[in-house]
PDB file of N, CA and C in Angstrom:
ATOM      1  N   MET A   1     -30.549 -53.455 136.867  1.00  0.00           N
ATOM      2  CA  MET A   1     -30.133 -52.175 136.303  1.00  0.00           C
ATOM      3  C   MET A   1     -29.349 -52.374 135.014  1.00  0.00           C
ATOM      4  N   ARG A   2     -29.455 -53.519 134.431  1.00  0.00           N
ATOM      5  CA  ARG A   2     -28.692 -53.798 133.219  1.00  0.00           C
ATOM      6  C   ARG A   2     -29.009 -52.779 132.123  1.00  0.00           C
ATOM      7  N   GLY A   3     -27.993 -52.025 131.705  1.00  0.00           N
ATOM      8  CA  GLY A   3     -28.154 -51.058 130.628  1.00  0.00           C
ATOM      9  C   GLY A   3     -28.613 -49.686 131.070  1.00  0.00           C
ATOM     10  N   PHE A   4     -28.933 -49.494 132.325  1.00  0.00           N
ATOM     11  CA  PHE A   4     -29.374 -48.193 132.817  1.00  0.00           C
ATOM     12  C   PHE A   4     -28.269 -47.558 133.643  1.00  0.00           C
ATOM     13  N   LYS A   5     -28.122 -46.247 133.521  1.00  0.00           N
ATOM     14  CA  LYS A   5     -27.076 -45.534 134.247  1.00  0.00           C
ATOM     15  C   LYS A   5     -27.457 -45.257 135.694  1.00  0.00           C
ATOM     16  N   SER A   6     -28.769 -45.184 135.954  1.00  0.00           N
ATOM     17  CA  SER A   6     -29.212 -44.871 137.314  1.00  0.00           C
ATOM     18  C   SER A   6     -30.581 -45.492 137.568  1.00  0.00           C
ATOM     19  N   PHE A   7     -30.970 -45.494 138.824  1.00  0.00           N
ATOM     20  CA  PHE A   7     -32.289 -45.994 139.179  1.00  0.00           C
ATOM     21  C   PHE A   7     -33.386 -45.097 138.606  1.00  0.00           C
ATOM     22  N   GLU A   8     -33.109 -43.796 138.493  1.00  0.00           N
ATOM     23  CA  GLU A   8     -34.099 -42.863 137.945  1.00  0.00           C
ATOM     24  C   GLU A   8     -34.414 -43.182 136.481  1.00  0.00           C
ATOM     25  N   SER A   9     -33.383 -43.495 135.691  1.00  0.00           N
ATOM     26  CA  SER A   9     -33.633 -43.816 134.284  1.00  0.00           C
ATOM     27  C   SER A   9     -34.365 -45.152 134.149  1.00  0.00           C
ATOM     28  N   ALA A  10     -34.038 -46.101 135.003  1.00  0.00           N
ATOM     29  CA  ALA A  10     -34.758 -47.377 134.987  1.00  0.00           C
ATOM     30  C   ALA A  10     -36.211 -47.170 135.379  1.00  0.00           C
ATOM     31  N   ASP A  11     -36.460 -46.331 136.367  1.00  0.00           N
ATOM     32  CA  ASP A  11     -37.822 -46.039 136.807  1.00  0.00           C
ATOM     33  C   ASP A  11     -38.617 -45.327 135.712  1.00  0.00           C
ATOM     34  N   ALA A  12     -37.984 -44.387 135.008  1.00  0.00           N
ATOM     35  CA  ALA A  12     -38.655 -43.691 133.905  1.00  0.00           C
ATOM     36  C   ALA A  12     -39.021 -44.668 132.790  1.00  0.00           C
ATOM     37  N   PHE A  13     -38.118 -45.599 132.487  1.00  0.00           N
ATOM     38  CA  PHE A  13     -38.403 -46.601 131.467  1.00  0.00           C
ATOM     39  C   PHE A  13     -39.583 -47.471 131.867  1.00  0.00           C
ATOM     40  N   LEU A  14     -39.619 -47.891 133.120  1.00  0.00           N
ATOM     41  CA  LEU A  14     -40.723 -48.732 133.582  1.00  0.00           C
ATOM     42  C   LEU A  14     -42.046 -47.974 133.583  1.00  0.00           C
ATOM     43  N   ASP A  15     -42.029 -46.678 133.888  1.00  0.00           N
ATOM     44  CA  ASP A  15     -43.243 -45.867 133.799  1.00  0.00           C
ATOM     45  C   ASP A  15     -43.756 -45.821 132.361  1.00  0.00           C
ATOM     46  N   LEU A  16     -42.845 -45.611 131.409  1.00  0.00           N
ATOM     47  CA  LEU A  16     -43.235 -45.585 129.995  1.00  0.00           C
ATOM     48  C   LEU A  16     -43.778 -46.938 129.563  1.00  0.00           C
ATOM     49  N   ARG A  17     -43.141 -47.998 130.010  1.00  0.00           N
ATOM     50  CA  ARG A  17     -43.598 -49.353 129.664  1.00  0.00           C
ATOM     51  C   ARG A  17     -44.995 -49.613 130.208  1.00  0.00           C
ATOM     52  N   ARG A  18     -45.261 -49.160 131.427  1.00  0.00           N
ATOM     53  CA  ARG A  18     -46.571 -49.332 132.048  1.00  0.00           C
ATOM     54  C   ARG A  18     -47.646 -48.565 131.270  1.00  0.00           C
ATOM     55  N   ILE A  19     -47.352 -47.343 130.870  1.00  0.00           N
ATOM     56  CA  ILE A  19     -48.301 -46.541 130.087  1.00  0.00           C
ATOM     57  C   ILE A  19     -48.573 -47.206 128.747  1.00  0.00           C
ATOM     58  N   THR A  20     -47.516 -47.663 128.095  1.00  0.00           N
ATOM     59  CA  THR A  20     -47.679 -48.331 126.805  1.00  0.00           C
ATOM     60  C   THR A  20     -48.551 -49.568 126.945  1.00  0.00           C
ATOM     61  N   TYR A  21     -48.341 -50.346 127.982  1.00  0.00           N
ATOM     62  CA  TYR A  21     -49.120 -51.562 128.188  1.00  0.00           C
ATOM     63  C   TYR A  21     -50.589 -51.245 128.451  1.00  0.00           C
ATOM     64  N   ASN A  22     -50.856 -50.207 129.229  1.00  0.00           N
ATOM     65  CA  ASN A  22     -52.222 -49.915 129.630  1.00  0.00           C
ATOM     66  C   ASN A  22     -53.039 -49.173 128.574  1.00  0.00           C
ATOM     67  N   PHE A  23     -52.412 -48.370 127.733  1.00  0.00           N
ATOM     68  CA  PHE A  23     -53.175 -47.522 126.824  1.00  0.00           C
ATOM     69  C   PHE A  23     -52.958 -47.800 125.345  1.00  0.00           C
ATOM     70  N   VAL A  24     -51.885 -48.444 124.963  1.00  0.00           N
ATOM     71  CA  VAL A  24     -51.547 -48.528 123.547  1.00  0.00           C
ATOM     72  C   VAL A  24     -51.616 -49.944 123.005  1.00  0.00           C
ATOM     73  N   ARG A  25     -51.172 -50.892 123.745  1.00  0.00           N
ATOM     74  CA  ARG A  25     -50.959 -52.244 123.259  1.00  0.00           C
ATOM     75  C   ARG A  25     -52.255 -53.022 123.039  1.00  0.00           C
ATOM     76  N   GLY A  26     -52.307 -53.788 121.957  1.00  0.00           N
ATOM     77  CA  GLY A  26     -53.387 -54.739 121.726  1.00  0.00           C
ATOM     78  C   GLY A  26     -54.682 -54.144 121.209  1.00  0.00           C
ATOM     79  N   ASP A  27     -55.621 -55.012 120.928  1.00  0.00           N
ATOM     80  CA  ASP A  27     -56.932 -54.589 120.428  1.00  0.00           C
ATOM     81  C   ASP A  27     -57.782 -54.006 121.543  1.00  0.00           C
ATOM     82  N   VAL A  28     -57.797 -54.650 122.683  1.00  0.00           N
ATOM     83  CA  VAL A  28     -58.556 -54.159 123.836  1.00  0.00           C
ATOM     84  C   VAL A  28     -57.566 -53.954 124.981  1.00  0.00           C
ATOM     85  N   THR A  29     -57.300 -52.706 125.300  1.00  0.00           N
ATOM     86  CA  THR A  29     -56.330 -52.409 126.343  1.00  0.00           C
ATOM     87  C   THR A  29     -56.997 -52.438 127.709  1.00  0.00           C
ATOM     88  N   ARG A  30     -56.203 -52.431 128.750  1.00  0.00           N
ATOM     89  CA  ARG A  30     -56.745 -52.400 130.109  1.00  0.00           C
ATOM     90  C   ARG A  30     -57.561 -51.132 130.337  1.00  0.00           C
ATOM     91  N   ALA A  31     -57.113 -50.031 129.761  1.00  0.00           N
ATOM     92  CA  ALA A  31     -57.838 -48.769 129.916  1.00  0.00           C
ATOM     93  C   ALA A  31     -59.230 -48.876 129.302  1.00  0.00           C
ATOM     94  N   MET A  32     -59.339 -49.518 128.156  1.00  0.00           N
ATOM     95  CA  MET A  32     -60.643 -49.686 127.506  1.00  0.00           C
ATOM     96  C   MET A  32     -61.564 -50.539 128.374  1.00  0.00           C
ATOM     97  N   ARG A  33     -61.025 -51.614 128.957  1.00  0.00           N
ATOM     98  CA  ARG A  33     -61.830 -52.467 129.822  1.00  0.00           C
ATOM     99  C   ARG A  33     -62.295 -51.722 131.068  1.00  0.00           C
ATOM    100  N   ALA A  34     -61.510 -50.758 131.522  1.00  0.00           N
ATOM    101  CA  ALA A  34     -61.868 -49.977 132.711  1.00  0.00           C
ATOM    102  C   ALA A  34     -62.803 -48.822 132.378  1.00  0.00           C
ATOM    103  N   GLY A  35     -63.096 -48.623 131.084  1.00  0.00           N
ATOM    104  CA  GLY A  35     -64.010 -47.567 130.681  1.00  0.00           C
ATOM    105  C   GLY A  35     -63.339 -46.226 130.443  1.00  0.00           C
ATOM    106  N   ILE A  36     -62.017 -46.219 130.327  1.00  0.00           N
ATOM    107  CA  ILE A  36     -61.284 -44.981 130.064  1.00  0.00           C
ATOM    108  C   ILE A  36     -61.141 -44.832 128.561  1.00  0.00           C
ATOM    109  N   SER A  37     -61.694 -43.774 128.009  1.00  0.00           N
ATOM    110  CA  SER A  37     -61.627 -43.535 126.574  1.00  0.00           C
ATOM    111  C   SER A  37     -60.876 -42.240 126.315  1.00  0.00           C
ATOM    112  N   LEU A  38     -59.769 -42.337 125.608  1.00  0.00           N
ATOM    113  CA  LEU A  38     -58.953 -41.159 125.329  1.00  0.00           C
ATOM    114  C   LEU A  38     -59.045 -40.703 123.879  1.00  0.00           C
ATOM    115  N   GLU A  39     -59.737 -41.455 123.019  1.00  0.00           N
ATOM    116  CA  GLU A  39     -59.849 -41.115 121.599  1.00  0.00           C
ATOM    117  C   GLU A  39     -58.475 -40.852 121.002  1.00  0.00           C
ATOM    118  N   LEU A  40     -57.631 -41.869 121.001  1.00  0.00           N
ATOM    119  CA  LEU A  40     -56.261 -41.732 120.529  1.00  0.00           C
ATOM    120  C   LEU A  40     -56.127 -41.920 119.028  1.00  0.00           C
ATOM    121  N   GLY A  41     -57.149 -42.406 118.368  1.00  0.00           N
ATOM    122  CA  GLY A  41     -57.091 -42.594 116.926  1.00  0.00           C
ATOM    123  C   GLY A  41     -56.431 -43.893 116.529  1.00  0.00           C
ATOM    124  N   TRP A  42     -56.074 -43.999 115.245  1.00  0.00           N
ATOM    125  CA  TRP A  42     -55.535 -45.230 114.706  1.00  0.00           C
ATOM    126  C   TRP A  42     -54.159 -45.546 115.304  1.00  0.00           C
ATOM    127  N   ASN A  43     -53.290 -44.553 115.382  1.00  0.00           N
ATOM    128  CA  ASN A  43     -51.957 -44.738 115.952  1.00  0.00           C
ATOM    129  C   ASN A  43     -52.018 -44.303 117.414  1.00  0.00           C
ATOM    130  N   ARG A  44     -52.291 -45.242 118.300  1.00  0.00           N
ATOM    131  CA  ARG A  44     -52.518 -44.917 119.716  1.00  0.00           C
ATOM    132  C   ARG A  44     -51.302 -44.306 120.397  1.00  0.00           C
ATOM    133  N   LEU A  45     -50.106 -44.778 120.071  1.00  0.00           N
ATOM    134  CA  LEU A  45     -48.907 -44.234 120.697  1.00  0.00           C
ATOM    135  C   LEU A  45     -48.706 -42.783 120.311  1.00  0.00           C
ATOM    136  N   GLU A  46     -48.844 -42.462 119.045  1.00  0.00           N
ATOM    137  CA  GLU A  46     -48.704 -41.081 118.591  1.00  0.00           C
ATOM    138  C   GLU A  46     -49.785 -40.203 119.205  1.00  0.00           C
ATOM    139  N   GLY A  47     -51.005 -40.709 119.289  1.00  0.00           N
ATOM    140  CA  GLY A  47     -52.085 -39.954 119.903  1.00  0.00           C
ATOM    141  C   GLY A  47     -51.850 -39.691 121.373  1.00  0.00           C
ATOM    142  N   LEU A  48     -51.275 -40.660 122.070  1.00  0.00           N
ATOM    143  CA  LEU A  48     -50.962 -40.494 123.485  1.00  0.00           C
ATOM    144  C   LEU A  48     -49.856 -39.472 123.688  1.00  0.00           C
ATOM    145  N   ILE A  49     -48.888 -39.446 122.798  1.00  0.00           N
ATOM    146  CA  ILE A  49     -47.797 -38.476 122.887  1.00  0.00           C
ATOM    147  C   ILE A  49     -48.316 -37.057 122.656  1.00  0.00           C
ATOM    148  N   LYS A  50     -49.285 -36.889 121.766  1.00  0.00           N
ATOM    149  CA  LYS A  50     -49.812 -35.563 121.441  1.00  0.00           C
ATOM    150  C   LYS A  50     -50.708 -34.989 122.525  1.00  0.00           C
ATOM    151  N   ILE A  51     -51.232 -35.833 123.419  1.00  0.00           N
ATOM    152  CA  ILE A  51     -52.132 -35.345 124.464  1.00  0.00           C
ATOM    153  C   ILE A  51     -51.417 -34.452 125.412  1.00  0.00           C
TER     154      ILE A  51
END
């Protein structure tokens, strides 16, 4: 819990980290390998936020 005020905030951070890893990071993300296409555009993080 280093740096987090509660377990809920730590859990929210880990959820965001998991989403970032699966949909935004790298050239070929796990979502792409699984056949999930969201058409997020060049800036994947911004596109994911706008959805």
